[in-house]
Amino acid sequence: MMTATQSTVDAISRELDILMTDDDRKVTIVTFGMMGFPVAWQGRLKSYEVAPYAQYRNALKIVFQVKRKRHDSTIRFHGIESILIWPGWHKPAVAMYPDGFTDEGNGIQTGTSLTCFDSEYMDIARASMGDAPTVDTTRHSD
């Protein structure tokens, strides 16, 4: 029997197989950073594998080289995180404070109604792009 996590990892693996056949393997990856705010990377896919990691039986390890960097970076996906992947290099909207900030002389004040790991961050990133992502594990209400 396949678990929801395993089926998600399998679906992402199938999409990564397709992206790995592209000659340049350029991708844009959007996910949440450790503090719960969106992060976008532009890079070239190197490899991926499904293997156990910590308490997860089916963790997906994606290895890529960040644009203009020499060393490889790794993302581990356990099936519960939100991740968006587009082929090619793009600039999705991933601002920590999408409502902006003001400087009224008393210091910079930020204002947002979004909290850490809020799914609306992913909705904003998805909406800022013209094309739908190849990989989309977010739970959105489109």
C-alpha atoms as a PDB file:
ATOM      1  CA  MET A   1       0.000   0.000   0.000  1.00  0.00           C
ATOM      2  CA  MET A   2       1.334   3.413  -0.947  1.00  0.00           C
ATOM      3  CA  THR A   3       1.194   6.196   1.623  1.00  0.00           C
ATOM      4  CA  ALA A   4       0.337   9.788   0.707  1.00  0.00           C
ATOM      5  CA  THR A   5       3.959  10.767   1.301  1.00  0.00           C
ATOM      6  CA  GLN A   6       5.254   7.970  -0.893  1.00  0.00           C
ATOM      7  CA  SER A   7       2.848   8.816  -3.708  1.00  0.00           C
ATOM      8  CA  THR A   8       3.884  12.498  -3.506  1.00  0.00           C
ATOM      9  CA  VAL A   9       7.581  11.600  -3.638  1.00  0.00           C
ATOM     10  CA  ASP A  10       6.910   9.209  -6.543  1.00  0.00           C
ATOM     11  CA  ALA A  11       5.032  11.918  -8.450  1.00  0.00           C
ATOM     12  CA  ILE A  12       7.877  14.397  -7.934  1.00  0.00           C
ATOM     13  CA  SER A  13      10.391  11.747  -9.026  1.00  0.00           C
ATOM     14  CA  ARG A  14       8.512  11.244 -12.303  1.00  0.00           C
ATOM     15  CA  GLU A  15       8.562  15.002 -12.967  1.00  0.00           C
ATOM     16  CA  LEU A  16      12.280  15.206 -12.099  1.00  0.00           C
ATOM     17  CA  ASP A  17      12.949  12.361 -14.563  1.00  0.00           C
ATOM     18  CA  ILE A  18      11.476  14.565 -17.293  1.00  0.00           C
ATOM     19  CA  LEU A  19      13.444  17.643 -16.160  1.00  0.00           C
ATOM     20  CA  MET A  20      16.679  15.605 -16.051  1.00  0.00           C
ATOM     21  CA  THR A  21      16.338  14.787 -19.770  1.00  0.00           C
ATOM     22  CA  ASP A  22      16.583  18.483 -20.659  1.00  0.00           C
ATOM     23  CA  ASP A  23      20.045  19.441 -21.924  1.00  0.00           C
ATOM     24  CA  ASP A  24      20.671  22.390 -19.602  1.00  0.00           C
ATOM     25  CA  ARG A  25      18.649  21.045 -16.601  1.00  0.00           C
ATOM     26  CA  LYS A  26      17.884  24.604 -15.457  1.00  0.00           C
ATOM     27  CA  VAL A  27      15.217  24.847 -12.769  1.00  0.00           C
ATOM     28  CA  THR A  28      13.736  27.351 -10.352  1.00  0.00           C
ATOM     29  CA  ILE A  29      12.854  25.892  -6.952  1.00  0.00           C
ATOM     30  CA  VAL A  30      10.639  27.665  -4.411  1.00  0.00           C
ATOM     31  CA  THR A  31      10.196  26.284  -0.910  1.00  0.00           C
ATOM     32  CA  PHE A  32      10.167  27.508   2.666  1.00  0.00           C
ATOM     33  CA  GLY A  33      13.414  28.272   4.487  1.00  0.00           C
ATOM     34  CA  MET A  34      14.123  27.208   8.043  1.00  0.00           C
ATOM     35  CA  MET A  35      12.380  30.272   9.477  1.00  0.00           C
ATOM     36  CA  GLY A  36       9.207  29.717   7.456  1.00  0.00           C
ATOM     37  CA  PHE A  37       9.580  32.321   4.747  1.00  0.00           C
ATOM     38  CA  PRO A  38       9.753  31.563   1.013  1.00  0.00           C
ATOM     39  CA  VAL A  39      13.092  31.047  -0.703  1.00  0.00           C
ATOM     40  CA  ALA A  40      13.778  30.717  -4.441  1.00  0.00           C
ATOM     41  CA  TRP A  41      16.822  29.074  -6.021  1.00  0.00           C
ATOM     42  CA  GLN A  42      17.860  29.046  -9.629  1.00  0.00           C
ATOM     43  CA  GLY A  43      20.132  26.173 -10.502  1.00  0.00           C
ATOM     44  CA  ARG A  44      20.955  23.135 -12.577  1.00  0.00           C
ATOM     45  CA  LEU A  45      19.712  19.728 -11.533  1.00  0.00           C
ATOM     46  CA  LYS A  46      22.542  17.300 -10.834  1.00  0.00           C
ATOM     47  CA  SER A  47      20.743  14.264  -9.436  1.00  0.00           C
ATOM     48  CA  TYR A  48      18.049  13.039  -7.125  1.00  0.00           C
ATOM     49  CA  GLU A  49      17.365   9.903  -5.142  1.00  0.00           C
ATOM     50  CA  VAL A  50      14.666   8.458  -2.932  1.00  0.00           C
ATOM     51  CA  ALA A  51      16.120   7.018   0.261  1.00  0.00           C
ATOM     52  CA  PRO A  52      15.369   6.798   3.984  1.00  0.00           C
ATOM     53  CA  TYR A  53      16.293   9.884   5.990  1.00  0.00           C
ATOM     54  CA  ALA A  54      15.765  10.229   9.755  1.00  0.00           C
ATOM     55  CA  GLN A  55      12.268   8.979  10.542  1.00  0.00           C
ATOM     56  CA  TYR A  56      11.103   9.192   6.903  1.00  0.00           C
ATOM     57  CA  ARG A  57      11.116   6.017   4.823  1.00  0.00           C
ATOM     58  CA  ASN A  58      10.811   7.809   1.492  1.00  0.00           C
ATOM     59  CA  ALA A  59      12.690  11.092   1.533  1.00  0.00           C
ATOM     60  CA  LEU A  60      13.594  12.731  -1.744  1.00  0.00           C
ATOM     61  CA  LYS A  61      17.077  14.227  -1.959  1.00  0.00           C
ATOM     62  CA  ILE A  62      17.477  16.752  -4.796  1.00  0.00           C
ATOM     63  CA  VAL A  63      21.036  17.798  -5.637  1.00  0.00           C
ATOM     64  CA  PHE A  64      21.523  20.912  -7.740  1.00  0.00           C
ATOM     65  CA  GLN A  65      24.148  23.537  -8.463  1.00  0.00           C
ATOM     66  CA  VAL A  66      22.948  27.039  -7.608  1.00  0.00           C
ATOM     67  CA  LYS A  67      23.360  29.606 -10.381  1.00  0.00           C
ATOM     68  CA  ARG A  68      26.856  31.190 -10.290  1.00  0.00           C
ATOM     69  CA  LYS A  69      28.100  28.819  -7.566  1.00  0.00           C
ATOM     70  CA  ARG A  70      30.680  26.039  -7.797  1.00  0.00           C
ATOM     71  CA  HIS A  71      29.425  23.685  -5.133  1.00  0.00           C
ATOM     72  CA  ASP A  72      26.321  21.544  -5.067  1.00  0.00           C
ATOM     73  CA  SER A  73      23.346  22.224  -2.805  1.00  0.00           C
ATOM     74  CA  THR A  74      20.856  19.715  -1.477  1.00  0.00           C
ATOM     75  CA  ILE A  75      17.182  19.867  -0.611  1.00  0.00           C
ATOM     76  CA  ARG A  76      15.536  17.002   1.240  1.00  0.00           C
ATOM     77  CA  PHE A  77      11.822  16.641   0.683  1.00  0.00           C
ATOM     78  CA  HIS A  78       9.888  14.443   3.102  1.00  0.00           C
ATOM     79  CA  GLY A  79       6.494  14.718   1.454  1.00  0.00           C
ATOM     80  CA  ILE A  80       4.937  17.210   3.842  1.00  0.00           C
ATOM     81  CA  GLU A  81       6.623  20.429   2.719  1.00  0.00           C
ATOM     82  CA  SER A  82       5.475  22.799   0.021  1.00  0.00           C
ATOM     83  CA  ILE A  83       7.721  22.920  -3.018  1.00  0.00           C
ATOM     84  CA  LEU A  84       7.311  24.483  -6.461  1.00  0.00           C
ATOM     85  CA  ILE A  85       9.648  23.704  -9.370  1.00  0.00           C
ATOM     86  CA  TRP A  86       9.622  25.378 -12.784  1.00  0.00           C
ATOM     87  CA  PRO A  87      11.846  24.433 -15.715  1.00  0.00           C
ATOM     88  CA  GLY A  88      14.226  27.265 -16.573  1.00  0.00           C
ATOM     89  CA  TRP A  89      15.414  30.229 -14.546  1.00  0.00           C
ATOM     90  CA  HIS A  90      12.686  32.568 -13.351  1.00  0.00           C
ATOM     91  CA  LYS A  91      12.134  35.192 -10.662  1.00  0.00           C
ATOM     92  CA  PRO A  92       8.977  34.321  -8.735  1.00  0.00           C
ATOM     93  CA  ALA A  93       7.697  36.696  -6.063  1.00  0.00           C
ATOM     94  CA  VAL A  94       9.106  35.434  -2.759  1.00  0.00           C
ATOM     95  CA  ALA A  95       9.200  38.597  -0.656  1.00  0.00           C
ATOM     96  CA  MET A  96       9.122  38.060   3.097  1.00  0.00           C
ATOM     97  CA  TYR A  97       6.866  41.102   3.435  1.00  0.00           C
ATOM     98  CA  PRO A  98       4.614  41.141   0.366  1.00  0.00           C
ATOM     99  CA  ASP A  99       2.727  44.147   1.744  1.00  0.00           C
ATOM    100  CA  GLY A 100       5.956  46.153   1.683  1.00  0.00           C
ATOM    101  CA  PHE A 101       7.495  48.339   4.346  1.00  0.00           C
ATOM    102  CA  THR A 102       7.564  51.996   5.278  1.00  0.00           C
ATOM    103  CA  ASP A 103      10.233  54.280   6.667  1.00  0.00           C
ATOM    104  CA  GLU A 104       8.595  57.142   8.493  1.00  0.00           C
ATOM    105  CA  GLY A 105      11.711  58.422  10.252  1.00  0.00           C
ATOM    106  CA  ASN A 106      11.217  56.212  13.304  1.00  0.00           C
ATOM    107  CA  GLY A 107      12.793  53.182  11.704  1.00  0.00           C
ATOM    108  CA  ILE A 108      11.533  50.768   9.126  1.00  0.00           C
ATOM    109  CA  GLN A 109       8.139  49.291   9.850  1.00  0.00           C
ATOM    110  CA  THR A 110       6.950  46.170   8.149  1.00  0.00           C
ATOM    111  CA  GLY A 111       3.444  44.938   7.913  1.00  0.00           C
ATOM    112  CA  THR A 112       2.020  41.676   6.716  1.00  0.00           C
ATOM    113  CA  SER A 113      -0.917  39.495   7.527  1.00  0.00           C
ATOM    114  CA  LEU A 114       1.030  36.351   6.644  1.00  0.00           C
ATOM    115  CA  THR A 115       2.629  34.081   9.207  1.00  0.00           C
ATOM    116  CA  CYS A 116       5.534  31.668   8.924  1.00  0.00           C
ATOM    117  CA  PHE A 117       4.885  28.739   6.576  1.00  0.00           C
ATOM    118  CA  ASP A 118       1.674  30.410   5.343  1.00  0.00           C
ATOM    119  CA  SER A 119       0.453  28.721   2.145  1.00  0.00           C
ATOM    120  CA  GLU A 120      -0.418  32.146   0.724  1.00  0.00           C
ATOM    121  CA  TYR A 121       3.327  32.756   0.155  1.00  0.00           C
ATOM    122  CA  MET A 122       3.257  29.877  -2.332  1.00  0.00           C
ATOM    123  CA  ASP A 123       0.045  31.220  -3.893  1.00  0.00           C
ATOM    124  CA  ILE A 124       1.778  34.587  -4.414  1.00  0.00           C
ATOM    125  CA  ALA A 125       4.840  32.917  -5.982  1.00  0.00           C
ATOM    126  CA  ARG A 126       2.647  30.768  -8.253  1.00  0.00           C
ATOM    127  CA  ALA A 127       0.513  33.756  -9.301  1.00  0.00           C
ATOM    128  CA  SER A 128       3.603  35.836 -10.126  1.00  0.00           C
ATOM    129  CA  MET A 129       4.624  33.337 -12.790  1.00  0.00           C
ATOM    130  CA  GLY A 130       3.010  33.012 -16.193  1.00  0.00           C
ATOM    131  CA  ASP A 131       3.218  29.229 -16.365  1.00  0.00           C
ATOM    132  CA  ALA A 132       2.128  26.607 -13.882  1.00  0.00           C
ATOM    133  CA  PRO A 133       5.002  24.869 -12.068  1.00  0.00           C
ATOM    134  CA  THR A 134       6.045  21.397 -13.174  1.00  0.00           C
ATOM    135  CA  VAL A 135       6.109  20.290  -9.529  1.00  0.00           C
ATOM    136  CA  ASP A 136       3.529  21.721  -7.142  1.00  0.00           C
ATOM    137  CA  THR A 137       2.995  20.085  -3.741  1.00  0.00           C
ATOM    138  CA  THR A 138       1.170  23.002  -2.167  1.00  0.00           C
ATOM    139  CA  ARG A 139      -2.384  22.781  -0.984  1.00  0.00           C
ATOM    140  CA  HIS A 140      -4.052  25.681  -2.763  1.00  0.00           C
ATOM    141  CA  SER A 141      -7.620  26.488  -3.635  1.00  0.00           C
ATOM    142  CA  ASP A 142      -7.394  27.443  -7.308  1.00  0.00           C
END
